[in-house]
N, C-alpha and C. Protein backbone atom coordinates (compact mmCIF):
# COMPACT_ATOMS: atom_id res chain seq x y z
N MET A 1 1.81 8.30 -80.67
CA MET A 1 2.02 9.67 -81.05
C MET A 1 3.12 10.30 -80.21
N GLU A 2 3.22 9.89 -78.95
CA GLU A 2 4.28 10.41 -78.10
C GLU A 2 5.65 9.97 -78.59
N LEU A 3 5.69 8.87 -79.33
CA LEU A 3 6.96 8.38 -79.86
C LEU A 3 7.32 9.02 -81.18
N GLY A 4 6.48 9.94 -81.67
CA GLY A 4 6.79 10.68 -82.88
C GLY A 4 6.03 10.25 -84.11
N ALA A 5 5.08 9.34 -83.98
CA ALA A 5 4.30 8.92 -85.14
C ALA A 5 3.33 10.03 -85.54
N ASP A 6 3.24 10.29 -86.84
CA ASP A 6 2.29 11.29 -87.33
C ASP A 6 0.89 10.72 -87.49
N GLY A 7 0.80 9.42 -87.60
CA GLY A 7 -0.50 8.80 -87.78
C GLY A 7 -0.47 7.35 -87.35
N VAL A 8 -1.63 6.80 -87.09
CA VAL A 8 -1.75 5.41 -86.67
C VAL A 8 -2.85 4.77 -87.49
N LEU A 9 -2.59 3.60 -88.06
CA LEU A 9 -3.59 2.89 -88.84
C LEU A 9 -4.54 2.18 -87.88
N MET A 10 -5.81 2.57 -87.94
CA MET A 10 -6.81 1.99 -87.03
C MET A 10 -7.91 1.27 -87.79
N ASN A 11 -7.65 0.88 -89.01
CA ASN A 11 -8.69 0.27 -89.83
C ASN A 11 -9.29 -0.96 -89.19
N THR A 12 -8.47 -1.87 -88.67
CA THR A 12 -8.97 -3.11 -88.11
C THR A 12 -9.89 -2.85 -86.91
N ALA A 13 -9.48 -1.96 -86.03
CA ALA A 13 -10.29 -1.66 -84.85
C ALA A 13 -11.63 -1.05 -85.24
N ILE A 14 -11.63 -0.16 -86.20
CA ILE A 14 -12.86 0.51 -86.60
C ILE A 14 -13.73 -0.40 -87.46
N ALA A 15 -13.13 -1.02 -88.47
CA ALA A 15 -13.90 -1.86 -89.38
C ALA A 15 -14.46 -3.11 -88.70
N GLY A 16 -13.76 -3.64 -87.72
CA GLY A 16 -14.20 -4.86 -87.04
C GLY A 16 -15.15 -4.62 -85.89
N ALA A 17 -15.39 -3.37 -85.54
CA ALA A 17 -16.27 -3.07 -84.41
C ALA A 17 -17.74 -3.30 -84.79
N THR A 18 -18.54 -3.61 -83.80
CA THR A 18 -19.97 -3.77 -84.01
C THR A 18 -20.59 -2.45 -84.49
N ASP A 19 -20.13 -1.34 -83.91
CA ASP A 19 -20.58 -0.01 -84.32
C ASP A 19 -19.35 0.80 -84.74
N PRO A 20 -18.99 0.76 -86.04
CA PRO A 20 -17.77 1.44 -86.50
C PRO A 20 -17.76 2.94 -86.22
N GLY A 21 -18.91 3.58 -86.31
CA GLY A 21 -18.98 5.02 -86.04
C GLY A 21 -18.63 5.35 -84.61
N ALA A 22 -19.15 4.55 -83.69
CA ALA A 22 -18.85 4.76 -82.27
C ALA A 22 -17.37 4.49 -81.99
N MET A 23 -16.81 3.47 -82.63
CA MET A 23 -15.39 3.17 -82.42
C MET A 23 -14.51 4.30 -82.95
N ALA A 24 -14.86 4.84 -84.11
CA ALA A 24 -14.10 5.96 -84.66
C ALA A 24 -14.18 7.17 -83.73
N GLU A 25 -15.35 7.41 -83.18
CA GLU A 25 -15.51 8.52 -82.23
C GLU A 25 -14.69 8.26 -80.96
N ALA A 26 -14.66 7.02 -80.48
CA ALA A 26 -13.86 6.68 -79.30
C ALA A 26 -12.37 6.91 -79.57
N MET A 27 -11.91 6.54 -80.74
CA MET A 27 -10.50 6.77 -81.10
C MET A 27 -10.21 8.27 -81.16
N ASN A 28 -11.16 9.03 -81.67
CA ASN A 28 -11.00 10.48 -81.72
C ASN A 28 -10.84 11.04 -80.32
N HIS A 29 -11.70 10.60 -79.41
CA HIS A 29 -11.60 11.06 -78.01
C HIS A 29 -10.28 10.63 -77.37
N ALA A 30 -9.82 9.44 -77.70
CA ALA A 30 -8.56 8.94 -77.14
C ALA A 30 -7.38 9.81 -77.58
N VAL A 31 -7.36 10.17 -78.84
CA VAL A 31 -6.27 11.02 -79.35
C VAL A 31 -6.33 12.40 -78.72
N ARG A 32 -7.53 12.95 -78.62
CA ARG A 32 -7.67 14.28 -77.99
C ARG A 32 -7.27 14.24 -76.52
N ALA A 33 -7.65 13.17 -75.81
CA ALA A 33 -7.29 13.05 -74.39
C ALA A 33 -5.78 12.93 -74.23
N GLY A 34 -5.15 12.16 -75.09
CA GLY A 34 -3.70 12.03 -75.02
C GLY A 34 -2.99 13.34 -75.27
N THR A 35 -3.48 14.10 -76.24
CA THR A 35 -2.89 15.40 -76.54
C THR A 35 -3.08 16.36 -75.37
N LEU A 36 -4.27 16.36 -74.81
CA LEU A 36 -4.55 17.24 -73.67
C LEU A 36 -3.67 16.89 -72.47
N ALA A 37 -3.52 15.60 -72.20
CA ALA A 37 -2.67 15.16 -71.09
C ALA A 37 -1.22 15.56 -71.33
N TYR A 38 -0.75 15.43 -72.56
CA TYR A 38 0.63 15.78 -72.88
C TYR A 38 0.86 17.28 -72.71
N THR A 39 -0.06 18.10 -73.19
CA THR A 39 0.12 19.55 -73.08
C THR A 39 -0.08 20.05 -71.65
N ALA A 40 -0.82 19.30 -70.82
CA ALA A 40 -1.00 19.69 -69.41
C ALA A 40 0.32 19.60 -68.66
N GLY A 41 1.19 18.70 -69.08
CA GLY A 41 2.50 18.57 -68.45
C GLY A 41 2.49 17.59 -67.29
N ARG A 42 3.64 17.02 -67.05
CA ARG A 42 3.75 16.06 -65.96
C ARG A 42 4.08 16.77 -64.65
N ILE A 43 3.88 16.06 -63.56
CA ILE A 43 4.27 16.62 -62.28
C ILE A 43 5.79 16.63 -62.21
N GLN A 44 6.31 17.48 -61.36
CA GLN A 44 7.74 17.62 -61.25
C GLN A 44 8.36 16.37 -60.65
N ARG A 45 9.49 15.94 -61.21
CA ARG A 45 10.19 14.77 -60.69
C ARG A 45 10.85 15.09 -59.37
N LYS A 46 10.90 14.08 -58.50
CA LYS A 46 11.53 14.24 -57.19
C LYS A 46 12.59 13.16 -57.03
N LEU A 47 13.58 13.44 -56.23
CA LEU A 47 14.63 12.46 -55.97
C LEU A 47 14.10 11.31 -55.13
N TYR A 48 13.22 11.63 -54.18
CA TYR A 48 12.64 10.62 -53.31
C TYR A 48 11.13 10.71 -53.33
N ALA A 49 10.46 9.60 -53.09
CA ALA A 49 9.01 9.57 -53.07
C ALA A 49 8.48 10.27 -51.81
N THR A 50 7.37 10.95 -51.96
CA THR A 50 6.70 11.59 -50.82
C THR A 50 5.20 11.31 -50.93
N ALA A 51 4.54 11.24 -49.80
CA ALA A 51 3.10 11.00 -49.79
C ALA A 51 2.39 12.21 -50.36
N SER A 52 1.40 11.97 -51.19
CA SER A 52 0.66 13.09 -51.78
C SER A 52 -0.45 13.58 -50.87
N SER A 53 -0.84 12.76 -49.91
CA SER A 53 -1.87 13.14 -48.94
C SER A 53 -1.27 13.09 -47.54
N PRO A 54 -1.44 14.17 -46.77
CA PRO A 54 -0.89 14.18 -45.41
C PRO A 54 -1.64 13.23 -44.49
N ILE A 55 -0.93 12.63 -43.56
CA ILE A 55 -1.53 11.71 -42.60
C ILE A 55 -2.00 12.48 -41.37
N GLU A 56 -1.37 13.59 -41.03
CA GLU A 56 -1.71 14.35 -39.85
C GLU A 56 -3.17 14.79 -39.89
N GLY A 57 -3.90 14.59 -38.80
CA GLY A 57 -5.27 15.03 -38.68
C GLY A 57 -6.29 14.14 -39.35
N LYS A 58 -5.89 13.01 -39.89
CA LYS A 58 -6.81 12.13 -40.59
C LYS A 58 -7.28 10.96 -39.72
N ILE A 59 -6.50 10.61 -38.70
CA ILE A 59 -6.84 9.46 -37.87
C ILE A 59 -7.17 9.91 -36.46
């Protein structure tokens, strides 16, 4: 979906599952999670890597 697809054919994954209803629900959650992550936005890019957790006071 991030690449611009409007839909994805998931028939094989759902139809071949032991519990097709649960698989369809899992796919639903996956699409919603992806959309939520995309709309949340990424962290800002940096020129150089920096530690996300400070070392001072931990040791």
